[in-house]
């Protein structure tokens, strides 16, 4: 019996080792290592030591190794979105070089853009004129550190247009963090992970986070895609597990922004249901309920502000495309635009 038990243990160890591998790396700024930076493979976490170095085991299936950017720093965004990630395949050492970006304890601004949803180059040409010019002017006028967040549906099922977004958004001169929407999935796949390949190729992991000031922005994929244009709104169990791991490192006094495509109450303008109701929302709220939480979402193309609990609210941001670039206004009469959080 003892031999059988030992054999089972040995097989379990071998199975685990076959599914994970040890990697090392360093996070630095101006050549100097940064300590206590959070590193993840999308499942497990570690932190850098005083010299900026880290070591941990990543899942053999991990697509990326990436960092939770600390306040006061940014990854390079010169190619259109912050490159806080590296492909995991074929690498055992990961080096991340950050630049200083703003006062880590100072004032900050978040520009939230909902649903560019471009389907043609003509749509993008229109976005690149008045809407983008307006964002660029706003960036110049705001006081303090400013970053942008795109709340999904960067394109309208025409996935090559993601590259146009990256080419144009750099004009703002600030890092613009993307999130994935239902129209950013490949309709050729009846699978959540496979259908997100174009987003990951252009922007990296769908679920990530970064600190800003004394607070944190958590970007989540809350579109569970299962068929051609078929999807549920909510969080997979794997995402809930990842957030649980991340929250071990979030200071108790930090406010939390959750940036995602669909609002927590789903298609509220169709259901008239103003309660949180998307898949696994209870599990997510349980993890973050000790903080002041603001959800930032798009998807509905109309403006909405919802107070779910004294410490939890949501700003559902109207579309910057108006009514799909056909008219200047959204369907609720809101002019196309964006929201600023200071």
Protein backbone atom coordinates (compact mmCIF):
# COMPACT_ATOMS: atom_id res chain seq x y z
CA UNK A 1 0.00 0.00 0.00
CA UNK A 2 2.87 2.32 0.93
CA UNK A 3 4.54 1.71 -2.46
CA UNK A 4 1.31 2.55 -4.30
CA UNK A 5 0.95 5.78 -2.31
CA UNK A 6 4.55 6.82 -3.07
CA UNK A 7 4.04 6.00 -6.75
CA UNK A 8 0.97 8.24 -6.85
CA UNK A 9 2.92 11.09 -5.25
CA UNK A 10 5.78 10.69 -7.74
CA UNK A 11 3.38 10.65 -10.68
CA UNK A 12 1.65 13.78 -9.37
CA UNK A 13 4.99 15.59 -9.07
CA UNK A 14 5.97 14.53 -12.59
CA UNK A 15 2.60 15.65 -13.96
CA UNK A 16 2.94 19.05 -12.29
CA UNK A 17 6.49 19.54 -13.51
CA UNK A 18 5.36 18.73 -17.05
CA UNK A 19 2.76 21.48 -16.85
CA UNK A 20 4.99 24.20 -15.37
CA UNK A 21 8.48 25.57 -15.91
CA UNK A 22 10.79 27.83 -13.97
CA UNK A 23 11.59 31.24 -15.41
CA UNK A 24 13.55 34.26 -14.22
CA UNK A 25 13.63 37.92 -15.14
CA UNK A 26 14.22 41.51 -14.14
CA UNK A 27 12.21 44.75 -13.98
CA UNK A 28 14.23 47.95 -14.17
CA UNK A 29 14.14 51.67 -14.90
CA UNK A 30 17.19 53.47 -16.26
CA UNK A 31 19.10 50.25 -15.70
CA UNK A 32 18.27 50.10 -11.97
CA UNK A 33 16.21 47.19 -10.66
CA UNK A 34 12.75 47.94 -9.24
CA UNK A 35 11.64 46.06 -6.15
CA UNK A 36 8.18 44.72 -5.25
CA UNK A 37 6.86 44.79 -8.81
CA UNK A 38 4.12 42.18 -9.31
CA UNK A 39 4.75 39.63 -12.06
CA UNK A 40 2.21 37.11 -13.37
CA UNK A 41 1.64 34.56 -16.11
CA UNK A 42 -2.13 34.97 -15.93
CA UNK A 43 -2.41 32.30 -13.21
CA UNK A 44 0.31 32.59 -10.58
CA UNK A 45 2.11 35.62 -9.15
CA UNK A 46 5.44 36.69 -7.72
CA UNK A 47 7.21 39.96 -6.87
CA UNK A 48 10.61 41.32 -7.74
CA UNK A 49 13.30 41.42 -5.06
CA UNK A 50 15.33 44.47 -4.12
CA UNK A 51 17.53 44.10 -7.18
CA UNK A 52 14.52 43.94 -9.49
CA UNK A 53 14.90 40.24 -10.21
CA UNK A 54 12.20 37.61 -10.00
CA UNK A 55 11.90 33.85 -10.28
CA UNK A 56 8.75 31.72 -10.41
CA UNK A 57 7.06 28.81 -12.11
CA UNK A 58 4.73 29.57 -14.98
CA UNK A 59 2.12 27.32 -16.51
CA UNK A 60 3.36 25.48 -19.55
CA UNK A 61 0.27 26.77 -21.34
CA UNK A 62 0.97 30.42 -20.41
CA UNK A 63 0.90 32.74 -23.41
CA UNK A 64 2.43 35.76 -21.64
CA UNK A 65 4.58 36.76 -18.72
CA UNK A 66 3.64 40.29 -17.69
CA UNK A 67 3.90 42.85 -14.94
CA UNK A 68 1.42 44.93 -12.97
CA UNK A 69 2.97 48.31 -13.68
CA UNK A 70 3.72 50.20 -10.45
CA UNK A 71 2.55 53.78 -9.90
CA UNK A 72 4.94 56.37 -11.25
CA UNK A 73 6.08 54.17 -14.14
CA UNK A 74 4.89 53.05 -17.54
CA UNK A 75 5.84 50.44 -20.08
CA UNK A 76 6.71 51.67 -23.57
CA UNK A 77 3.57 52.74 -25.45
CA UNK A 78 5.23 54.18 -28.56
CA UNK A 79 3.73 51.43 -30.75
CA UNK A 80 0.15 52.21 -29.74
CA UNK A 81 -0.45 50.39 -26.44
CA UNK A 82 1.65 49.77 -23.31
CA UNK A 83 3.94 46.75 -23.78
CA UNK A 84 3.92 45.47 -20.19
CA UNK A 85 3.98 41.86 -21.43
CA UNK A 86 6.20 39.43 -23.30
CA UNK A 87 5.41 36.21 -25.11
CA UNK A 88 6.14 33.23 -22.88
CA UNK A 89 6.85 30.66 -25.57
CA UNK A 90 10.53 29.87 -26.02
CA UNK A 91 11.74 32.22 -23.27
CA UNK A 92 13.16 31.49 -19.85
CA UNK A 93 14.35 35.03 -19.02
CA UNK A 94 12.13 38.13 -19.21
CA UNK A 95 13.50 41.66 -19.00
CA UNK A 96 11.10 44.60 -18.55
CA UNK A 97 12.39 48.16 -18.87
CA UNK A 98 10.04 50.86 -17.56
CA UNK A 99 10.16 54.65 -17.75
CA UNK A 100 9.19 57.12 -15.03
CA UNK A 101 5.74 58.49 -15.62
CA UNK A 102 4.13 61.01 -13.27
CA UNK A 103 4.10 61.45 -9.51
CA UNK A 104 3.18 58.10 -7.90
CA UNK A 105 1.31 59.94 -5.14
CA UNK A 106 -0.01 62.85 -7.16
CA UNK A 107 -3.17 63.85 -8.99
CA UNK A 108 -4.19 61.75 -11.98
CA UNK A 109 -6.77 61.70 -14.76
CA UNK A 110 -8.35 58.79 -16.63
CA UNK A 111 -9.85 59.38 -20.07
CA UNK A 112 -12.39 56.63 -20.74
CA UNK A 113 -13.38 55.98 -24.35
CA UNK A 114 -16.25 53.66 -25.16
CA UNK A 115 -16.85 51.74 -28.40
CA UNK A 116 -14.85 53.26 -31.26
CA UNK A 117 -16.36 50.32 -33.19
CA UNK A 118 -14.81 51.11 -36.55
CA UNK A 119 -15.74 48.90 -39.48
CA UNK A 120 -14.00 50.69 -42.34
CA UNK A 121 -11.00 52.89 -42.97
CA UNK A 122 -13.49 55.70 -43.54
CA UNK A 123 -14.74 55.21 -39.95
CA UNK A 124 -11.18 55.45 -38.71
CA UNK A 125 -10.55 58.54 -40.81
CA UNK A 126 -13.53 60.16 -39.06
CA UNK A 127 -12.32 59.07 -35.63
CA UNK A 128 -8.86 60.47 -36.38
CA UNK A 129 -10.32 63.93 -37.05
CA UNK A 130 -12.65 65.68 -34.58
CA UNK A 131 -12.93 62.96 -31.88
CA UNK A 132 -9.21 62.23 -31.63
CA UNK A 133 -8.26 65.91 -32.01
CA UNK A 134 -10.56 66.65 -29.08
CA UNK A 135 -8.91 63.97 -26.91
CA UNK A 136 -5.45 65.30 -27.77
CA UNK A 137 -6.50 68.83 -26.78
CA UNK A 138 -8.02 67.56 -23.53
CA UNK A 139 -4.75 65.80 -22.65
CA UNK A 140 -2.92 69.13 -23.02
CA UNK A 141 -5.40 70.93 -20.78
CA UNK A 142 -5.58 68.41 -17.93
CA UNK A 143 -3.43 68.95 -14.86
CA UNK A 144 -1.37 66.02 -13.59
CA UNK A 145 -0.74 62.52 -14.86
CA UNK A 146 -3.18 61.38 -17.57
CA UNK A 147 -3.79 57.94 -19.03
CA UNK A 148 -6.46 56.59 -21.36
CA UNK A 149 -8.64 53.48 -21.22
CA UNK A 150 -10.48 52.08 -24.25
CA UNK A 151 -13.55 50.15 -23.10
CA UNK A 152 -13.78 47.54 -25.85
CA UNK A 153 -15.18 47.20 -29.36
CA UNK A 154 -12.11 48.89 -30.73
CA UNK A 155 -13.23 47.57 -34.10
CA UNK A 156 -16.50 46.23 -35.49
CA UNK A 157 -15.58 42.63 -36.36
CA UNK A 158 -12.92 43.83 -38.83
CA UNK A 159 -9.91 42.77 -36.79
CA UNK A 160 -7.09 44.24 -38.95
CA UNK A 161 -8.39 47.69 -37.95
CA UNK A 162 -6.88 47.16 -34.49
CA UNK A 163 -3.58 48.22 -36.06
CA UNK A 164 -5.16 51.51 -37.18
CA UNK A 165 -6.20 52.16 -33.58
CA UNK A 166 -2.62 51.69 -32.42
CA UNK A 167 -1.26 53.92 -35.18
CA UNK A 168 -3.69 56.75 -34.44
CA UNK A 169 -4.01 56.70 -30.64
CA UNK A 170 -0.29 57.44 -30.11
CA UNK A 171 -1.09 61.01 -31.16
CA UNK A 172 -2.52 61.58 -27.68
CA UNK A 173 0.97 61.35 -26.19
CA UNK A 174 -0.26 59.20 -23.29
CA UNK A 175 -0.49 55.45 -22.67
CA UNK A 176 -3.90 54.17 -23.76
CA UNK A 177 -4.86 50.87 -22.15
CA UNK A 178 -7.26 48.68 -24.17
CA UNK A 179 -9.93 46.20 -23.13
CA UNK A 180 -11.57 43.56 -25.30
CA UNK A 181 -15.18 43.79 -26.51
CA UNK A 182 -17.50 41.32 -28.20
CA UNK A 183 -16.72 42.81 -31.63
CA UNK A 184 -12.99 42.37 -31.00
CA UNK A 185 -13.38 38.58 -31.22
CA UNK A 186 -12.86 36.51 -34.34
CA UNK A 187 -16.26 35.29 -35.50
CA UNK A 188 -14.62 32.32 -37.25
CA UNK A 189 -14.10 30.57 -33.90
CA UNK A 190 -16.69 29.03 -31.59
CA UNK A 191 -14.30 29.28 -28.65
CA UNK A 192 -13.62 32.05 -26.15
CA UNK A 193 -9.84 31.74 -26.12
CA UNK A 194 -9.29 31.12 -29.84
CA UNK A 195 -11.61 33.94 -30.86
CA UNK A 196 -9.49 36.43 -28.90
CA UNK A 197 -6.29 35.73 -30.84
CA UNK A 198 -6.25 39.03 -32.79
CA UNK A 199 -6.70 41.10 -29.64
CA UNK A 200 -3.83 39.29 -27.91
CA UNK A 201 -1.59 39.62 -30.97
CA UNK A 202 -2.10 43.39 -30.96
CA UNK A 203 -2.51 44.23 -27.28
CA UNK A 204 -1.33 41.32 -25.13
CA UNK A 205 -3.28 39.67 -22.28
CA UNK A 206 -6.97 40.46 -21.91
CA UNK A 207 -6.79 40.53 -18.09
CA UNK A 208 -4.20 42.80 -16.53
CA UNK A 209 -3.81 45.72 -14.14
CA UNK A 210 -1.72 48.78 -13.37
CA UNK A 211 -1.33 51.10 -10.41
CA UNK A 212 -2.01 54.81 -10.78
CA UNK A 213 -1.50 57.23 -7.90
CA UNK A 214 -2.45 55.28 -4.78
CA UNK A 215 -5.07 53.31 -6.68
CA UNK A 216 -5.29 50.46 -9.19
CA UNK A 217 -7.02 49.90 -12.52
CA UNK A 218 -7.97 46.26 -13.21
CA UNK A 219 -8.81 45.54 -16.85
CA UNK A 220 -10.97 42.45 -17.39
CA UNK A 221 -12.39 40.48 -20.29
CA UNK A 222 -16.06 40.07 -19.42
CA UNK A 223 -17.17 38.71 -22.78
CA UNK A 224 -17.43 34.90 -22.72
CA UNK A 225 -17.54 34.20 -26.46
CA UNK A 226 -18.88 30.81 -27.57
CA UNK A 227 -20.05 31.11 -31.20
CA UNK A 228 -20.30 33.47 -34.15
CA UNK A 229 -21.47 36.66 -32.41
CA UNK A 230 -22.75 34.50 -29.52
CA UNK A 231 -21.50 35.35 -26.04
CA UNK A 232 -22.36 35.69 -22.37
CA UNK A 233 -21.43 38.73 -20.30
CA UNK A 234 -19.40 37.92 -17.20
CA UNK A 235 -16.21 36.44 -15.83
CA UNK A 236 -14.87 32.93 -16.25
CA UNK A 237 -13.75 31.04 -13.16
CA UNK A 238 -10.14 31.44 -14.36
CA UNK A 239 -10.50 35.23 -14.34
CA UNK A 240 -11.97 35.14 -10.82
CA UNK A 241 -8.98 33.05 -9.68
CA UNK A 242 -6.57 35.53 -11.26
CA UNK A 243 -8.23 38.51 -9.56
CA UNK A 244 -8.11 36.63 -6.24
CA UNK A 245 -4.35 36.22 -6.66
CA UNK A 246 -3.91 39.87 -7.64
CA UNK A 247 -5.86 41.16 -4.63
CA UNK A 248 -3.27 39.63 -2.31
CA UNK A 249 -0.98 42.50 -3.44
CA UNK A 250 -3.47 45.41 -3.49
CA UNK A 251 -3.19 47.84 -0.54
CA UNK A 252 -6.32 47.99 1.59
CA UNK A 253 -6.68 51.76 1.14
CA UNK A 254 -6.44 51.65 -2.65
CA UNK A 255 -9.50 52.58 -4.69
CA UNK A 256 -10.22 50.19 -7.54
CA UNK A 257 -11.33 50.88 -11.09
CA UNK A 258 -12.55 47.86 -13.03
CA UNK A 259 -12.35 48.62 -16.76
CA UNK A 260 -14.31 46.24 -18.98
CA UNK A 261 -16.59 46.20 -22.00
CA UNK A 262 -20.00 45.14 -20.71
CA UNK A 263 -21.54 46.84 -17.67
CA UNK A 264 -22.05 44.78 -14.53
CA UNK A 265 -25.80 44.87 -15.11
CA UNK A 266 -25.48 43.65 -18.69
CA UNK A 267 -27.78 45.13 -21.31
CA UNK A 268 -29.42 47.47 -18.82
CA UNK A 269 -31.14 49.61 -21.45
CA UNK A 270 -32.90 46.52 -22.79
CA UNK A 271 -33.71 44.70 -19.56
CA UNK A 272 -34.32 47.73 -17.32
CA UNK A 273 -32.51 45.72 -14.65
CA UNK A 274 -30.23 47.99 -12.66
CA UNK A 275 -28.79 45.27 -10.41
CA UNK A 276 -25.48 43.53 -10.94
CA UNK A 277 -26.35 40.36 -12.82
CA UNK A 278 -23.62 39.21 -15.22
CA UNK A 279 -21.97 35.78 -14.81
CA UNK A 280 -19.85 35.44 -11.65
CA UNK A 281 -20.34 39.05 -10.60
CA UNK A 282 -20.95 37.89 -7.01
CA UNK A 283 -17.52 36.23 -6.88
CA UNK A 284 -15.79 39.31 -8.26
CA UNK A 285 -17.56 41.68 -5.87
CA UNK A 286 -16.67 39.47 -2.92
CA UNK A 287 -12.99 39.90 -3.79
CA UNK A 288 -13.06 43.71 -4.07
CA UNK A 289 -15.88 44.72 -1.71
CA UNK A 290 -13.47 46.05 0.95
CA UNK A 291 -12.52 48.91 -1.39
CA UNK A 292 -14.19 51.85 -3.07
CA UNK A 293 -14.91 50.46 -6.54
CA UNK A 294 -15.80 52.18 -9.80
CA UNK A 295 -16.67 50.07 -12.82
CA UNK A 296 -15.92 51.71 -16.17
CA UNK A 297 -17.78 50.11 -19.08
CA UNK A 298 -19.08 50.65 -22.60
CA UNK A 299 -21.11 48.25 -24.79
CA UNK A 300 -24.52 49.93 -24.49
CA UNK A 301 -23.64 53.08 -26.50
CA UNK A 302 -25.54 55.24 -23.97
CA UNK A 303 -24.65 57.04 -20.76
CA UNK A 304 -25.54 55.51 -17.42
CA UNK A 305 -24.45 55.95 -13.80
CA UNK A 306 -25.41 53.25 -11.31
CA UNK A 307 -24.90 53.10 -7.54
CA UNK A 308 -25.01 49.43 -6.54
CA UNK A 309 -23.72 49.75 -3.00
CA UNK A 310 -22.38 52.68 -0.97
CA UNK A 311 -18.86 51.77 -2.09
CA UNK A 312 -19.59 50.39 -5.58
CA UNK A 313 -20.73 52.39 -8.58
CA UNK A 314 -20.52 52.18 -12.35
CA UNK A 315 -20.08 54.68 -15.16
CA UNK A 316 -21.39 53.21 -18.39
CA UNK A 317 -19.73 55.41 -21.01
CA UNK A 318 -21.55 56.33 -24.23
CA UNK A 319 -19.92 55.49 -27.55
CA UNK A 320 -17.36 57.76 -29.16
CA UNK A 321 -18.75 56.57 -32.52
CA UNK A 322 -22.20 58.07 -31.80
CA UNK A 323 -24.68 55.83 -33.58
CA UNK A 324 -22.08 53.67 -35.31
CA UNK A 325 -20.55 56.66 -37.17
CA UNK A 326 -23.89 57.33 -38.90
CA UNK A 327 -24.96 60.20 -36.66
CA UNK A 328 -23.22 62.51 -34.21
CA UNK A 329 -25.44 61.49 -31.28
CA UNK A 330 -25.94 58.19 -29.49
CA UNK A 331 -29.39 56.63 -29.30
CA UNK A 332 -30.11 58.32 -25.94
CA UNK A 333 -29.33 61.76 -27.37
CA UNK A 334 -25.86 61.88 -25.82
CA UNK A 335 -23.33 63.46 -28.18
CA UNK A 336 -20.46 61.16 -29.08
CA UNK A 337 -17.55 61.64 -26.74
CA UNK A 338 -15.75 60.27 -23.70
CA UNK A 339 -15.56 60.71 -19.93
CA UNK A 340 -12.80 62.12 -17.76
CA UNK A 341 -12.20 60.90 -14.20
CA UNK A 342 -9.94 63.06 -12.03
